[in-house]
Amino acid sequence: MSLAEKTCVPCRGGVPPLTRCEFEPLLGELDEWQVVEDSRLVKSFKVGNFAEAMELANKIAAVAEEQGHHPDLLVRWGELRVDLWTHKVNGLTESDFILAAKIDGLAKK
């Protein structure tokens, strides 16, 4: 099953974040996301203007609400930056990669 087909699982804390060895295979399933400091997934989407950045941000917000997993979004003219991590573990979990895959799907539409 691909990451985009999975559902985010709420993290209640008390589990360690993924290690580099654990997240590297998941990263390989994503489209140009970067891992920063082994603890955050980051990607900037280039778009034509501010309205398109807001449109993509709103689509991401709807999926984030549905999944119960919420990224940080930075909207500016021509760009939407997405930062993902699991706050309760201050690092990455599989849910971050699942949501990133779902976001990639939205951006391709």
N, C-alpha and C. Protein backbone atom coordinates (compact mmCIF):
# COMPACT_ATOMS: atom_id res chain seq x y z
N MET A 1 0.85 -1.18 0.00
CA MET A 1 0.00 0.00 0.00
C MET A 1 0.90 1.24 0.00
N SER A 2 0.59 2.18 -0.87
CA SER A 2 1.40 3.40 -0.94
C SER A 2 1.11 4.31 0.25
N LEU A 3 2.02 5.23 0.51
CA LEU A 3 1.81 6.18 1.61
C LEU A 3 0.52 6.97 1.42
N ALA A 4 0.24 7.40 0.20
CA ALA A 4 -0.95 8.22 -0.07
C ALA A 4 -2.25 7.48 0.21
N GLU A 5 -2.21 6.15 0.20
CA GLU A 5 -3.40 5.35 0.46
C GLU A 5 -3.63 5.09 1.95
N LYS A 6 -2.64 5.38 2.76
CA LYS A 6 -2.75 5.14 4.20
C LYS A 6 -3.44 6.33 4.89
N THR A 7 -3.76 6.13 6.15
CA THR A 7 -4.39 7.15 6.97
C THR A 7 -3.45 7.52 8.11
N CYS A 8 -3.37 8.81 8.39
CA CYS A 8 -2.55 9.26 9.51
C CYS A 8 -3.09 8.70 10.82
N VAL A 9 -2.16 8.34 11.70
CA VAL A 9 -2.52 7.81 13.01
C VAL A 9 -2.15 8.86 14.06
N PRO A 10 -3.11 9.27 14.88
CA PRO A 10 -2.79 10.28 15.89
C PRO A 10 -1.69 9.79 16.83
N CYS A 11 -0.75 10.66 17.10
CA CYS A 11 0.35 10.33 18.01
C CYS A 11 -0.01 10.83 19.41
N ARG A 12 0.12 9.97 20.36
CA ARG A 12 -0.17 10.35 21.74
C ARG A 12 1.10 10.60 22.54
N GLY A 13 2.23 10.57 21.85
CA GLY A 13 3.51 10.76 22.52
C GLY A 13 4.02 9.45 23.10
N GLY A 14 5.16 9.53 23.74
CA GLY A 14 5.72 8.35 24.38
C GLY A 14 6.39 7.37 23.44
N VAL A 15 6.51 7.75 22.17
CA VAL A 15 7.22 6.90 21.20
C VAL A 15 8.36 7.73 20.62
N PRO A 16 9.44 7.08 20.25
CA PRO A 16 10.55 7.85 19.68
C PRO A 16 10.25 8.25 18.24
N PRO A 17 10.81 9.37 17.79
CA PRO A 17 10.67 9.74 16.39
C PRO A 17 11.44 8.74 15.52
N LEU A 18 11.11 8.73 14.23
CA LEU A 18 11.81 7.85 13.30
C LEU A 18 13.28 8.24 13.20
N THR A 19 14.13 7.25 13.08
CA THR A 19 15.55 7.50 12.84
C THR A 19 15.76 7.68 11.34
N ARG A 20 16.94 8.15 10.96
CA ARG A 20 17.27 8.33 9.54
C ARG A 20 17.11 7.00 8.78
N CYS A 21 17.57 5.92 9.37
CA CYS A 21 17.44 4.61 8.71
C CYS A 21 15.97 4.23 8.51
N GLU A 22 15.12 4.65 9.41
CA GLU A 22 13.70 4.33 9.30
C GLU A 22 12.98 5.25 8.31
N PHE A 23 13.37 6.54 8.26
CA PHE A 23 12.61 7.44 7.39
C PHE A 23 13.14 7.53 5.97
N GLU A 24 14.37 7.14 5.72
CA GLU A 24 14.91 7.25 4.35
C GLU A 24 14.10 6.48 3.32
N PRO A 25 13.66 5.23 3.59
CA PRO A 25 12.82 4.55 2.60
C PRO A 25 11.50 5.27 2.34
N LEU A 26 10.93 5.87 3.38
CA LEU A 26 9.68 6.62 3.22
C LEU A 26 9.91 7.88 2.38
N LEU A 27 11.02 8.54 2.61
CA LEU A 27 11.36 9.75 1.86
C LEU A 27 11.47 9.44 0.37
N GLY A 28 11.93 8.24 0.04
CA GLY A 28 12.05 7.83 -1.34
C GLY A 28 10.72 7.74 -2.07
N GLU A 29 9.62 7.67 -1.33
CA GLU A 29 8.28 7.60 -1.94
C GLU A 29 7.70 8.99 -2.20
N LEU A 30 8.37 10.03 -1.74
CA LEU A 30 7.85 11.39 -1.88
C LEU A 30 8.53 12.12 -3.03
N ASP A 31 7.91 13.21 -3.45
CA ASP A 31 8.40 14.00 -4.58
C ASP A 31 9.11 15.26 -4.10
N GLU A 32 10.43 15.19 -3.99
CA GLU A 32 11.28 16.35 -3.71
C GLU A 32 11.09 16.99 -2.33
N TRP A 33 10.65 16.23 -1.35
CA TRP A 33 10.62 16.73 0.02
C TRP A 33 12.03 16.62 0.60
N GLN A 34 12.36 17.51 1.51
CA GLN A 34 13.65 17.50 2.19
C GLN A 34 13.43 17.24 3.68
N VAL A 35 14.35 16.52 4.28
CA VAL A 35 14.33 16.35 5.73
C VAL A 35 15.35 17.32 6.31
N VAL A 36 14.90 18.16 7.23
CA VAL A 36 15.75 19.16 7.86
C VAL A 36 16.03 18.73 9.29
N GLU A 37 17.31 18.68 9.63
CA GLU A 37 17.77 18.33 10.98
C GLU A 37 17.20 17.01 11.47
N ASP A 38 16.97 16.08 10.54
CA ASP A 38 16.41 14.76 10.86
C ASP A 38 15.10 14.82 11.64
N SER A 39 14.40 15.97 11.57
CA SER A 39 13.20 16.10 12.39
C SER A 39 12.01 16.76 11.70
N ARG A 40 12.18 17.29 10.49
CA ARG A 40 11.08 17.95 9.79
C ARG A 40 11.13 17.66 8.31
N LEU A 41 9.95 17.50 7.73
CA LEU A 41 9.82 17.41 6.28
C LEU A 41 9.46 18.79 5.76
N VAL A 42 10.13 19.23 4.71
CA VAL A 42 9.91 20.57 4.17
C VAL A 42 9.85 20.50 2.65
N LYS A 43 8.89 21.24 2.09
CA LYS A 43 8.81 21.36 0.64
C LYS A 43 8.18 22.70 0.28
N SER A 44 8.72 23.34 -0.74
CA SER A 44 8.14 24.57 -1.28
C SER A 44 7.52 24.27 -2.63
N PHE A 45 6.28 24.65 -2.78
CA PHE A 45 5.56 24.50 -4.04
C PHE A 45 5.56 25.85 -4.75
N LYS A 46 6.07 25.87 -5.95
CA LYS A 46 6.08 27.10 -6.75
C LYS A 46 4.77 27.15 -7.53
N VAL A 47 4.08 28.28 -7.44
CA VAL A 47 2.81 28.48 -8.13
C VAL A 47 2.85 29.83 -8.85
N GLY A 48 1.80 30.13 -9.61
CA GLY A 48 1.81 31.31 -10.46
C GLY A 48 1.57 32.64 -9.78
N ASN A 49 0.93 32.61 -8.60
CA ASN A 49 0.61 33.88 -7.93
C ASN A 49 0.15 33.59 -6.50
N PHE A 50 -0.26 34.62 -5.81
CA PHE A 50 -0.70 34.47 -4.42
C PHE A 50 -1.99 33.66 -4.32
N ALA A 51 -2.92 33.91 -5.24
CA ALA A 51 -4.21 33.21 -5.20
C ALA A 51 -4.02 31.70 -5.36
N GLU A 52 -3.11 31.29 -6.23
CA GLU A 52 -2.85 29.86 -6.41
C GLU A 52 -2.21 29.25 -5.15
N ALA A 53 -1.36 30.01 -4.49
CA ALA A 53 -0.76 29.53 -3.24
C ALA A 53 -1.85 29.33 -2.18
N MET A 54 -2.79 30.28 -2.11
CA MET A 54 -3.90 30.16 -1.16
C MET A 54 -4.81 29.00 -1.51
N GLU A 55 -5.06 28.79 -2.79
CA GLU A 55 -5.91 27.68 -3.22
C GLU A 55 -5.31 26.35 -2.80
N LEU A 56 -4.01 26.17 -3.02
CA LEU A 56 -3.34 24.94 -2.60
C LEU A 56 -3.35 24.82 -1.07
N ALA A 57 -3.11 25.92 -0.38
CA ALA A 57 -3.13 25.89 1.09
C ALA A 57 -4.50 25.45 1.60
N ASN A 58 -5.56 25.91 0.98
CA ASN A 58 -6.91 25.52 1.40
C ASN A 58 -7.18 24.05 1.13
N LYS A 59 -6.69 23.52 0.02
CA LYS A 59 -6.84 22.10 -0.27
C LYS A 59 -6.08 21.27 0.77
N ILE A 60 -4.88 21.72 1.11
CA ILE A 60 -4.08 21.01 2.13
C ILE A 60 -4.78 21.07 3.48
N ALA A 61 -5.36 22.22 3.81
CA ALA A 61 -6.06 22.37 5.10
C ALA A 61 -7.20 21.37 5.21
N ALA A 62 -7.95 21.16 4.13
CA ALA A 62 -9.07 20.22 4.16
C ALA A 62 -8.58 18.79 4.41
N VAL A 63 -7.50 18.39 3.74
CA VAL A 63 -6.95 17.04 3.94
C VAL A 63 -6.36 16.92 5.34
N ALA A 64 -5.69 17.96 5.81
CA ALA A 64 -5.10 17.93 7.15
C ALA A 64 -6.18 17.75 8.21
N GLU A 65 -7.29 18.44 8.06
CA GLU A 65 -8.40 18.28 9.01
C GLU A 65 -8.95 16.86 8.96
N GLU A 66 -9.13 16.34 7.76
CA GLU A 66 -9.64 14.98 7.58
C GLU A 66 -8.71 13.96 8.23
N GLN A 67 -7.41 14.18 8.13
CA GLN A 67 -6.41 13.25 8.66
C GLN A 67 -6.07 13.51 10.13
N GLY A 68 -6.47 14.66 10.66
CA GLY A 68 -6.14 15.00 12.04
C GLY A 68 -4.65 15.23 12.24
N HIS A 69 -3.99 15.70 11.19
CA HIS A 69 -2.54 15.94 11.23
C HIS A 69 -2.28 17.25 10.49
N HIS A 70 -1.68 18.22 11.15
CA HIS A 70 -1.68 19.58 10.63
C HIS A 70 -0.27 20.13 10.40
N PRO A 71 0.03 20.49 9.16
CA PRO A 71 1.34 21.06 8.84
C PRO A 71 1.38 22.55 9.13
N ASP A 72 2.57 23.10 9.16
CA ASP A 72 2.74 24.55 9.14
C ASP A 72 2.77 24.97 7.68
N LEU A 73 2.03 26.01 7.35
CA LEU A 73 1.98 26.50 5.97
C LEU A 73 2.42 27.95 5.94
N LEU A 74 3.30 28.27 5.00
CA LEU A 74 3.73 29.65 4.78
C LEU A 74 3.30 30.01 3.36
N VAL A 75 2.36 30.94 3.26
CA VAL A 75 1.83 31.37 1.98
C VAL A 75 2.45 32.70 1.62
N ARG A 76 2.98 32.77 0.39
CA ARG A 76 3.48 34.04 -0.13
C ARG A 76 3.28 34.05 -1.63
N TRP A 77 3.48 35.18 -2.24
CA TRP A 77 3.26 35.30 -3.67
C TRP A 77 4.14 34.27 -4.39
N GLY A 78 3.49 33.40 -5.17
CA GLY A 78 4.20 32.45 -6.00
C GLY A 78 4.75 31.22 -5.30
N GLU A 79 4.46 31.05 -4.00
CA GLU A 79 5.04 29.92 -3.26
C GLU A 79 4.18 29.54 -2.07
N LEU A 80 4.13 28.24 -1.82
CA LEU A 80 3.56 27.72 -0.58
C LEU A 80 4.60 26.78 0.02
N ARG A 81 5.06 27.09 1.21
CA ARG A 81 6.01 26.23 1.90
C ARG A 81 5.26 25.41 2.94
N VAL A 82 5.56 24.12 2.97
CA VAL A 82 4.92 23.21 3.91
C VAL A 82 5.99 22.61 4.81
N ASP A 83 5.79 22.70 6.12
CA ASP A 83 6.66 22.07 7.11
C ASP A 83 5.83 21.05 7.87
N LEU A 84 6.33 19.83 7.96
CA LEU A 84 5.62 18.75 8.63
C LEU A 84 6.51 18.10 9.68
N TRP A 85 5.96 17.87 10.84
CA TRP A 85 6.60 17.05 11.87
C TRP A 85 5.55 16.74 12.91
N THR A 86 5.83 15.76 13.74
CA THR A 86 4.90 15.37 14.79
C THR A 86 5.34 16.06 16.08
N HIS A 87 4.55 17.02 16.49
CA HIS A 87 4.90 17.85 17.64
C HIS A 87 5.10 17.04 18.92
N LYS A 88 4.27 16.03 19.13
CA LYS A 88 4.34 15.26 20.39
C LYS A 88 5.65 14.51 20.56
N VAL A 89 6.34 14.20 19.46
CA VAL A 89 7.63 13.51 19.58
C VAL A 89 8.78 14.41 19.12
N ASN A 90 8.43 15.64 18.72
CA ASN A 90 9.42 16.61 18.23
C ASN A 90 10.31 15.99 17.16
N GLY A 91 9.65 15.30 16.23
CA GLY A 91 10.37 14.65 15.14
C GLY A 91 9.40 14.06 14.14
N LEU A 92 9.89 13.12 13.37
CA LEU A 92 9.10 12.55 12.29
C LEU A 92 8.48 11.20 12.68
N THR A 93 7.24 11.01 12.23
CA THR A 93 6.56 9.72 12.33
C THR A 93 6.05 9.36 10.94
N GLU A 94 5.56 8.15 10.79
CA GLU A 94 5.04 7.74 9.49
C GLU A 94 3.91 8.67 9.03
N SER A 95 3.12 9.19 9.95
CA SER A 95 2.01 10.08 9.58
C SER A 95 2.49 11.32 8.83
N ASP A 96 3.67 11.81 9.14
CA ASP A 96 4.22 12.96 8.42
C ASP A 96 4.43 12.61 6.95
N PHE A 97 4.92 11.43 6.69
CA PHE A 97 5.17 10.98 5.33
C PHE A 97 3.87 10.67 4.60
N ILE A 98 2.89 10.16 5.32
CA ILE A 98 1.57 9.91 4.74
C ILE A 98 0.95 11.22 4.29
N LEU A 99 0.96 12.22 5.16
CA LEU A 99 0.37 13.51 4.79
C LEU A 99 1.15 14.16 3.65
N ALA A 100 2.47 14.05 3.66
CA ALA A 100 3.27 14.60 2.57
C ALA A 100 2.89 13.97 1.24
N ALA A 101 2.67 12.66 1.23
CA ALA A 101 2.27 11.97 0.00
C ALA A 101 0.89 12.44 -0.47
N LYS A 102 -0.01 12.66 0.46
CA LYS A 102 -1.34 13.17 0.11
C LYS A 102 -1.23 14.59 -0.45
N ILE A 103 -0.34 15.40 0.12
CA ILE A 103 -0.13 16.76 -0.37
C ILE A 103 0.45 16.73 -1.77
N ASP A 104 1.39 15.83 -2.02
CA ASP A 104 1.94 15.69 -3.38
C ASP A 104 0.81 15.41 -4.38
N GLY A 105 -0.13 14.55 -4.00
CA GLY A 105 -1.25 14.23 -4.87
C GLY A 105 -2.12 15.43 -5.16
N LEU A 106 -2.34 16.26 -4.14
CA LEU A 106 -3.14 17.49 -4.34
C LEU A 106 -2.44 18.45 -5.30
N ALA A 107 -1.15 18.58 -5.14
CA ALA A 107 -0.38 19.53 -5.95
C ALA A 107 -0.35 19.13 -7.42
N LYS A 108 -0.50 17.84 -7.70
CA LYS A 108 -0.45 17.36 -9.09
C LYS A 108 -1.77 17.58 -9.82
N LYS A 109 -2.84 17.81 -9.06
CA LYS A 109 -4.16 17.97 -9.68
C LYS A 109 -4.32 19.34 -10.30
